[in-house]
Amino acid sequence: MNGTRERIIEYLESHRKMTLATVTPDGRPLAHTVEYATDGSTVYFATSKNTRKVQNILKNPDVSYAVDEDYDDWLRIQGVQMEARATVLTDREEVERAAAVYLKKFPFVADFPPNPDMVFVKVEPVRGFFLDYTKGFTHREDTAF
């Protein structure tokens, strides 16, 4: 595995919130904040099937997302930017896999009341970028997945 890919996976595993960008039916970008869990470079999140993000993904599965922190010192900035494809899961085995990954990171979710409108979304990377300003302002490395 290449170093950039490994850094991206480690960074994703150590964080839990991302800003997901989808495209509306009329072509406008729309950003969403979601809590996520990872299985390698694949990201899963849970949401209501009636959300705008799900409706947008069903019409256009091309998404992007960013994971980072709020840094006071710009020369310490690190983060991940990803180009990806999203799928609203319907296959029972895939849903169970996503639920297991999600519950491992967020075990308290098991105590939530059942919600028949909840779905899992699988986000698979196409291309990734690791930002690391500790190596120089605006330094970024990229890799295909």
N, C-alpha and C. Protein backbone atom coordinates (compact mmCIF):
# COMPACT_ATOMS: atom_id res chain seq x y z
N MET A 1 0.86 -1.18 0.00
CA MET A 1 0.00 0.00 0.00
C MET A 1 0.89 1.23 0.00
N ASN A 2 0.50 2.28 -0.74
CA ASN A 2 1.37 3.45 -0.77
C ASN A 2 1.19 4.30 0.48
N GLY A 3 2.18 5.11 0.80
CA GLY A 3 2.19 5.89 2.03
C GLY A 3 1.05 6.87 2.14
N THR A 4 0.68 7.52 1.04
CA THR A 4 -0.41 8.49 1.07
C THR A 4 -1.72 7.80 1.40
N ARG A 5 -1.97 6.67 0.79
CA ARG A 5 -3.20 5.92 1.06
C ARG A 5 -3.27 5.51 2.53
N GLU A 6 -2.15 5.04 3.06
CA GLU A 6 -2.11 4.64 4.48
C GLU A 6 -2.38 5.83 5.39
N ARG A 7 -1.79 6.98 5.08
CA ARG A 7 -2.01 8.18 5.90
C ARG A 7 -3.48 8.59 5.87
N ILE A 8 -4.10 8.50 4.70
CA ILE A 8 -5.51 8.84 4.57
C ILE A 8 -6.36 7.91 5.43
N ILE A 9 -6.11 6.61 5.32
CA ILE A 9 -6.89 5.63 6.10
C ILE A 9 -6.72 5.85 7.59
N GLU A 10 -5.50 6.07 8.04
CA GLU A 10 -5.25 6.32 9.47
C GLU A 10 -5.96 7.59 9.94
N TYR A 11 -5.91 8.62 9.13
CA TYR A 11 -6.56 9.88 9.50
C TYR A 11 -8.08 9.68 9.59
N LEU A 12 -8.65 9.00 8.60
CA LEU A 12 -10.09 8.75 8.63
C LEU A 12 -10.49 7.93 9.86
N GLU A 13 -9.69 6.93 10.20
CA GLU A 13 -10.00 6.09 11.36
C GLU A 13 -9.96 6.88 12.66
N SER A 14 -9.13 7.90 12.74
CA SER A 14 -8.96 8.65 13.98
C SER A 14 -9.93 9.83 14.11
N HIS A 15 -10.82 10.00 13.16
CA HIS A 15 -11.81 11.07 13.21
C HIS A 15 -13.20 10.48 13.04
N ARG A 16 -14.22 11.32 13.19
CA ARG A 16 -15.57 10.78 13.10
C ARG A 16 -16.56 11.66 12.37
N LYS A 17 -16.18 12.88 12.03
CA LYS A 17 -17.11 13.80 11.40
C LYS A 17 -16.54 14.26 10.06
N MET A 18 -17.39 14.25 9.04
CA MET A 18 -16.95 14.72 7.73
C MET A 18 -17.97 15.69 7.17
N THR A 19 -17.50 16.48 6.22
CA THR A 19 -18.38 17.34 5.44
C THR A 19 -18.50 16.68 4.08
N LEU A 20 -19.69 16.22 3.78
CA LEU A 20 -19.99 15.50 2.55
C LEU A 20 -20.63 16.46 1.55
N ALA A 21 -20.13 16.48 0.33
CA ALA A 21 -20.72 17.31 -0.72
C ALA A 21 -21.44 16.42 -1.72
N THR A 22 -22.70 16.75 -1.96
CA THR A 22 -23.50 16.07 -2.98
C THR A 22 -23.89 17.13 -4.02
N VAL A 23 -24.55 16.66 -5.07
CA VAL A 23 -25.02 17.56 -6.12
C VAL A 23 -26.54 17.48 -6.18
N THR A 24 -27.20 18.63 -6.13
CA THR A 24 -28.66 18.66 -6.20
C THR A 24 -29.11 18.33 -7.62
N PRO A 25 -30.38 17.97 -7.80
CA PRO A 25 -30.86 17.64 -9.14
C PRO A 25 -30.66 18.76 -10.16
N ASP A 26 -30.62 20.01 -9.69
CA ASP A 26 -30.40 21.11 -10.63
C ASP A 26 -28.93 21.52 -10.72
N GLY A 27 -28.03 20.65 -10.21
CA GLY A 27 -26.60 20.83 -10.41
C GLY A 27 -25.87 21.69 -9.40
N ARG A 28 -26.51 22.06 -8.31
CA ARG A 28 -25.84 22.87 -7.29
C ARG A 28 -25.17 21.98 -6.25
N PRO A 29 -23.98 22.37 -5.76
CA PRO A 29 -23.35 21.60 -4.69
C PRO A 29 -24.07 21.86 -3.37
N LEU A 30 -24.09 20.85 -2.52
CA LEU A 30 -24.73 20.98 -1.21
C LEU A 30 -23.87 20.23 -0.20
N ALA A 31 -23.49 20.89 0.88
CA ALA A 31 -22.63 20.29 1.91
C ALA A 31 -23.46 19.79 3.09
N HIS A 32 -23.06 18.65 3.63
CA HIS A 32 -23.76 18.00 4.75
C HIS A 32 -22.71 17.56 5.77
N THR A 33 -22.98 17.73 7.03
CA THR A 33 -22.11 17.21 8.08
C THR A 33 -22.67 15.87 8.54
N VAL A 34 -21.82 14.83 8.54
CA VAL A 34 -22.26 13.51 8.99
C VAL A 34 -21.19 12.86 9.85
N GLU A 35 -21.62 12.04 10.77
CA GLU A 35 -20.73 11.20 11.57
C GLU A 35 -20.53 9.92 10.77
N TYR A 36 -19.31 9.44 10.71
CA TYR A 36 -19.01 8.29 9.87
C TYR A 36 -18.16 7.26 10.61
N ALA A 37 -18.13 6.06 10.05
CA ALA A 37 -17.24 4.99 10.51
C ALA A 37 -16.56 4.42 9.28
N THR A 38 -15.36 3.87 9.46
CA THR A 38 -14.60 3.38 8.32
C THR A 38 -14.34 1.89 8.38
N ASP A 39 -14.18 1.33 7.19
CA ASP A 39 -13.67 -0.02 7.01
C ASP A 39 -12.59 0.12 5.93
N GLY A 40 -11.36 0.29 6.38
CA GLY A 40 -10.29 0.62 5.44
C GLY A 40 -10.54 2.00 4.89
N SER A 41 -10.58 2.10 3.56
CA SER A 41 -10.81 3.41 2.94
C SER A 41 -12.29 3.66 2.63
N THR A 42 -13.14 2.69 2.94
CA THR A 42 -14.58 2.84 2.73
C THR A 42 -15.21 3.48 3.95
N VAL A 43 -16.09 4.43 3.71
CA VAL A 43 -16.76 5.17 4.77
C VAL A 43 -18.25 4.82 4.75
N TYR A 44 -18.82 4.67 5.96
CA TYR A 44 -20.26 4.42 6.09
C TYR A 44 -20.86 5.49 6.99
N PHE A 45 -22.07 5.89 6.66
CA PHE A 45 -22.83 6.74 7.58
C PHE A 45 -24.29 6.34 7.53
N ALA A 46 -25.01 6.69 8.59
CA ALA A 46 -26.44 6.41 8.69
C ALA A 46 -27.20 7.73 8.62
N THR A 47 -28.35 7.68 7.99
CA THR A 47 -29.17 8.88 7.86
C THR A 47 -30.60 8.47 7.52
N SER A 48 -31.50 9.40 7.54
CA SER A 48 -32.88 9.12 7.13
C SER A 48 -32.94 9.04 5.61
N LYS A 49 -33.75 8.11 5.12
CA LYS A 49 -33.88 7.94 3.67
C LYS A 49 -34.52 9.16 3.01
N ASN A 50 -35.11 10.04 3.80
CA ASN A 50 -35.80 11.21 3.26
C ASN A 50 -34.94 12.47 3.21
N THR A 51 -33.67 12.37 3.60
CA THR A 51 -32.81 13.55 3.60
C THR A 51 -32.45 13.99 2.19
N ARG A 52 -32.04 15.23 2.08
CA ARG A 52 -31.60 15.74 0.78
C ARG A 52 -30.36 15.00 0.30
N LYS A 53 -29.46 14.64 1.22
CA LYS A 53 -28.25 13.94 0.79
C LYS A 53 -28.57 12.60 0.15
N VAL A 54 -29.50 11.86 0.71
CA VAL A 54 -29.88 10.58 0.12
C VAL A 54 -30.55 10.79 -1.24
N GLN A 55 -31.45 11.76 -1.32
CA GLN A 55 -32.13 12.02 -2.59
C GLN A 55 -31.12 12.45 -3.66
N ASN A 56 -30.13 13.25 -3.26
CA ASN A 56 -29.09 13.67 -4.21
C ASN A 56 -28.23 12.49 -4.66
N ILE A 57 -27.85 11.63 -3.72
CA ILE A 57 -27.01 10.47 -4.04
C ILE A 57 -27.75 9.51 -4.98
N LEU A 58 -29.04 9.34 -4.76
CA LEU A 58 -29.81 8.45 -5.63
C LEU A 58 -29.83 8.96 -7.08
N LYS A 59 -29.76 10.26 -7.26
CA LYS A 59 -29.75 10.84 -8.61
C LYS A 59 -28.34 10.97 -9.18
N ASN A 60 -27.34 11.16 -8.30
CA ASN A 60 -25.96 11.33 -8.75
C ASN A 60 -25.04 10.80 -7.64
N PRO A 61 -24.45 9.63 -7.82
CA PRO A 61 -23.63 9.02 -6.77
C PRO A 61 -22.23 9.64 -6.60
N ASP A 62 -21.87 10.58 -7.48
CA ASP A 62 -20.56 11.23 -7.35
C ASP A 62 -20.61 12.23 -6.20
N VAL A 63 -19.73 12.03 -5.22
CA VAL A 63 -19.67 12.89 -4.04
C VAL A 63 -18.22 13.24 -3.76
N SER A 64 -18.02 14.16 -2.86
CA SER A 64 -16.70 14.43 -2.31
C SER A 64 -16.89 14.70 -0.83
N TYR A 65 -15.80 14.58 -0.09
CA TYR A 65 -15.89 14.90 1.34
C TYR A 65 -14.53 15.34 1.87
N ALA A 66 -14.61 16.04 3.00
CA ALA A 66 -13.41 16.51 3.68
C ALA A 66 -13.50 16.16 5.15
N VAL A 67 -12.35 15.80 5.71
CA VAL A 67 -12.23 15.53 7.14
C VAL A 67 -11.02 16.32 7.61
N ASP A 68 -11.23 17.13 8.64
CA ASP A 68 -10.13 17.93 9.17
C ASP A 68 -10.48 18.41 10.56
N GLU A 69 -9.65 19.29 11.08
CA GLU A 69 -9.87 19.87 12.41
C GLU A 69 -9.78 21.38 12.28
N ASP A 70 -10.13 22.07 13.35
CA ASP A 70 -10.04 23.52 13.40
C ASP A 70 -8.68 23.90 13.99
N TYR A 71 -7.72 24.18 13.13
CA TYR A 71 -6.35 24.46 13.57
C TYR A 71 -6.15 25.96 13.79
N ASP A 72 -5.56 26.34 14.93
CA ASP A 72 -5.17 27.73 15.16
C ASP A 72 -3.90 28.06 14.39
N ASP A 73 -2.99 27.11 14.31
CA ASP A 73 -1.71 27.29 13.63
C ASP A 73 -1.81 26.69 12.23
N TRP A 74 -1.85 27.52 11.22
CA TRP A 74 -2.03 27.06 9.85
C TRP A 74 -0.90 26.15 9.39
N LEU A 75 0.26 26.26 9.99
CA LEU A 75 1.39 25.42 9.57
C LEU A 75 1.32 24.03 10.20
N ARG A 76 0.27 23.75 10.94
CA ARG A 76 0.05 22.41 11.52
C ARG A 76 -1.14 21.71 10.86
N ILE A 77 -1.78 22.35 9.92
CA ILE A 77 -2.99 21.80 9.29
C ILE A 77 -2.70 20.45 8.64
N GLN A 78 -3.59 19.51 8.94
CA GLN A 78 -3.63 18.22 8.27
C GLN A 78 -5.09 17.90 8.00
N GLY A 79 -5.34 17.12 6.97
CA GLY A 79 -6.71 16.76 6.66
C GLY A 79 -6.78 15.89 5.43
N VAL A 80 -7.99 15.46 5.13
CA VAL A 80 -8.24 14.58 4.00
C VAL A 80 -9.32 15.20 3.12
N GLN A 81 -9.10 15.14 1.82
CA GLN A 81 -10.11 15.51 0.84
C GLN A 81 -10.28 14.29 -0.07
N MET A 82 -11.52 13.90 -0.32
CA MET A 82 -11.76 12.69 -1.10
C MET A 82 -12.77 12.93 -2.21
N GLU A 83 -12.50 12.31 -3.35
CA GLU A 83 -13.48 12.18 -4.42
C GLU A 83 -13.99 10.74 -4.32
N ALA A 84 -15.30 10.55 -4.40
CA ALA A 84 -15.84 9.22 -4.10
C ALA A 84 -17.16 8.98 -4.81
N ARG A 85 -17.64 7.74 -4.66
CA ARG A 85 -18.97 7.35 -5.15
C ARG A 85 -19.75 6.78 -3.97
N ALA A 86 -20.98 7.23 -3.86
CA ALA A 86 -21.82 6.83 -2.74
C ALA A 86 -22.95 5.92 -3.21
N THR A 87 -23.29 4.97 -2.34
CA THR A 87 -24.37 4.04 -2.62
C THR A 87 -25.27 3.94 -1.39
N VAL A 88 -26.56 4.11 -1.58
CA VAL A 88 -27.52 3.86 -0.51
C VAL A 88 -27.73 2.36 -0.47
N LEU A 89 -27.39 1.74 0.65
CA LEU A 89 -27.40 0.28 0.73
C LEU A 89 -28.81 -0.28 0.87
N THR A 90 -29.07 -1.33 0.10
CA THR A 90 -30.35 -2.03 0.17
C THR A 90 -30.15 -3.53 0.39
N ASP A 91 -29.00 -4.06 -0.02
CA ASP A 91 -28.70 -5.47 0.16
C ASP A 91 -28.53 -5.76 1.65
N ARG A 92 -29.23 -6.76 2.15
CA ARG A 92 -29.25 -7.06 3.59
C ARG A 92 -27.86 -7.32 4.16
N GLU A 93 -27.05 -8.10 3.45
CA GLU A 93 -25.71 -8.39 3.94
C GLU A 93 -24.85 -7.13 4.01
N GLU A 94 -24.98 -6.26 3.01
CA GLU A 94 -24.21 -5.01 3.03
C GLU A 94 -24.68 -4.09 4.15
N VAL A 95 -25.99 -4.05 4.38
CA VAL A 95 -26.54 -3.23 5.47
C VAL A 95 -26.02 -3.75 6.82
N GLU A 96 -26.02 -5.07 7.00
CA GLU A 96 -25.52 -5.66 8.25
C GLU A 96 -24.03 -5.35 8.44
N ARG A 97 -23.26 -5.42 7.37
CA ARG A 97 -21.83 -5.09 7.44
C ARG A 97 -21.64 -3.63 7.84
N ALA A 98 -22.39 -2.73 7.20
CA ALA A 98 -22.30 -1.31 7.53
C ALA A 98 -22.71 -1.06 8.98
N ALA A 99 -23.77 -1.71 9.42
CA ALA A 99 -24.23 -1.53 10.80
C ALA A 99 -23.17 -1.99 11.79
N ALA A 100 -22.51 -3.10 11.50
CA ALA A 100 -21.47 -3.62 12.40
C ALA A 100 -20.30 -2.63 12.48
N VAL A 101 -19.88 -2.10 11.35
CA VAL A 101 -18.78 -1.13 11.33
C VAL A 101 -19.19 0.13 12.10
N TYR A 102 -20.40 0.59 11.87
CA TYR A 102 -20.89 1.81 12.51
C TYR A 102 -21.03 1.62 14.03
N LEU A 103 -21.59 0.49 14.44
CA LEU A 103 -21.79 0.24 15.87
C LEU A 103 -20.46 0.02 16.61
N LYS A 104 -19.46 -0.46 15.91
CA LYS A 104 -18.15 -0.62 16.54
C LYS A 104 -17.59 0.75 16.92
N LYS A 105 -17.80 1.75 16.09
CA LYS A 105 -17.29 3.09 16.38
C LYS A 105 -18.24 3.87 17.29
N PHE A 106 -19.54 3.63 17.14
CA PHE A 106 -20.55 4.36 17.91
C PHE A 106 -21.47 3.36 18.63
N PRO A 107 -20.99 2.65 19.65
CA PRO A 107 -21.80 1.61 20.29
C PRO A 107 -23.09 2.13 20.93
N PHE A 108 -23.12 3.38 21.34
CA PHE A 108 -24.32 3.95 21.97
C PHE A 108 -25.51 4.00 21.02
N VAL A 109 -25.26 3.94 19.71
CA VAL A 109 -26.35 3.98 18.73
C VAL A 109 -27.25 2.75 18.88
N ALA A 110 -26.71 1.67 19.42
CA ALA A 110 -27.52 0.45 19.62
C ALA A 110 -28.69 0.71 20.56
N ASP A 111 -28.57 1.74 21.41
CA ASP A 111 -29.64 2.07 22.36
C ASP A 111 -30.71 2.98 21.77
N PHE A 112 -30.51 3.47 20.56
CA PHE A 112 -31.52 4.32 19.93
C PHE A 112 -32.75 3.49 19.58
N PRO A 113 -33.93 4.08 19.64
CA PRO A 113 -35.12 3.34 19.23
C PRO A 113 -35.06 3.00 17.74
N PRO A 114 -35.63 1.88 17.33
CA PRO A 114 -35.63 1.51 15.92
C PRO A 114 -36.26 2.61 15.06
N ASN A 115 -35.68 2.83 13.89
CA ASN A 115 -36.21 3.85 12.98
C ASN A 115 -36.27 3.24 11.58
N PRO A 116 -37.47 2.94 11.10
CA PRO A 116 -37.60 2.30 9.79
C PRO A 116 -37.15 3.19 8.63
N ASP A 117 -36.98 4.48 8.88
CA ASP A 117 -36.55 5.39 7.82
C ASP A 117 -35.03 5.51 7.70
N MET A 118 -34.29 4.87 8.61
CA MET A 118 -32.83 4.96 8.58
C MET A 118 -32.26 4.06 7.49
N VAL A 119 -31.24 4.59 6.81
CA VAL A 119 -30.51 3.82 5.80
C VAL A 119 -29.02 4.02 6.04
N PHE A 120 -28.23 3.10 5.52
CA PHE A 120 -26.78 3.26 5.54
C PHE A 120 -26.33 3.62 4.14
N VAL A 121 -25.34 4.50 4.10
CA VAL A 121 -24.73 4.91 2.84
C VAL A 121 -23.28 4.47 2.88
N LYS A 122 -22.86 3.84 1.80
CA LYS A 122 -21.47 3.40 1.62
C LYS A 122 -20.79 4.39 0.68
N VAL A 123 -19.64 4.90 1.10
CA VAL A 123 -18.90 5.87 0.29
C VAL A 123 -17.53 5.27 -0.03
N GLU A 124 -17.32 4.99 -1.31
CA GLU A 124 -16.07 4.34 -1.74
C GLU A 124 -15.18 5.36 -2.46
N PRO A 125 -13.91 5.42 -2.08
CA PRO A 125 -13.03 6.43 -2.64
C PRO A 125 -12.66 6.15 -4.09
N VAL A 126 -12.45 7.23 -4.82
CA VAL A 126 -11.94 7.17 -6.18
C VAL A 126 -10.53 7.78 -6.19
N ARG A 127 -10.42 8.94 -5.57
CA ARG A 127 -9.14 9.64 -5.47
C ARG A 127 -9.09 10.35 -4.12
N GLY A 128 -7.90 10.35 -3.50
CA GLY A 128 -7.77 10.97 -2.20
C GLY A 128 -6.60 11.92 -2.14
N PHE A 129 -6.73 12.90 -1.27
CA PHE A 129 -5.70 13.90 -1.06
C PHE A 129 -5.44 14.01 0.44
N PHE A 130 -4.16 13.98 0.82
CA PHE A 130 -3.80 14.19 2.22
C PHE A 130 -3.09 15.53 2.33
N LEU A 131 -3.70 16.45 3.07
CA LEU A 131 -3.11 17.76 3.30
C LEU A 131 -2.18 17.66 4.50
N ASP A 132 -0.98 18.20 4.37
CA ASP A 132 -0.03 18.18 5.48
C ASP A 132 0.84 19.44 5.42
N TYR A 133 0.34 20.50 6.05
CA TYR A 133 1.04 21.78 6.01
C TYR A 133 2.28 21.78 6.90
N THR A 134 2.47 20.72 7.69
CA THR A 134 3.72 20.63 8.47
C THR A 134 4.90 20.43 7.52
N LYS A 135 4.63 20.03 6.28
CA LYS A 135 5.68 19.85 5.27
C LYS A 135 5.80 21.07 4.36
N GLY A 136 5.04 22.10 4.65
CA GLY A 136 5.04 23.32 3.85
C GLY A 136 3.63 23.78 3.60
N PHE A 137 3.43 25.09 3.62
CA PHE A 137 2.10 25.66 3.44
C PHE A 137 1.52 25.19 2.11
N THR A 138 0.32 24.67 2.13
CA THR A 138 -0.47 24.12 1.01
C THR A 138 0.04 22.77 0.49
N HIS A 139 0.94 22.10 1.23
CA HIS A 139 1.44 20.79 0.79
C HIS A 139 0.29 19.78 0.79
N ARG A 140 0.20 19.03 -0.30
CA ARG A 140 -0.81 17.97 -0.36
C ARG A 140 -0.29 16.86 -1.25
N GLU A 141 -0.63 15.64 -0.87
CA GLU A 141 -0.25 14.44 -1.61
C GLU A 141 -1.54 13.79 -2.11
N ASP A 142 -1.50 13.19 -3.30
CA ASP A 142 -2.73 12.56 -3.79
C ASP A 142 -2.45 11.13 -4.23
N THR A 143 -3.53 10.35 -4.27
CA THR A 143 -3.44 8.95 -4.68
C THR A 143 -4.78 8.52 -5.27
N ALA A 144 -4.70 7.62 -6.21
CA ALA A 144 -5.91 6.98 -6.75
C ALA A 144 -6.23 5.77 -5.89
N PHE A 145 -7.49 5.41 -5.81
CA PHE A 145 -7.91 4.23 -5.06
C PHE A 145 -8.41 3.17 -6.00
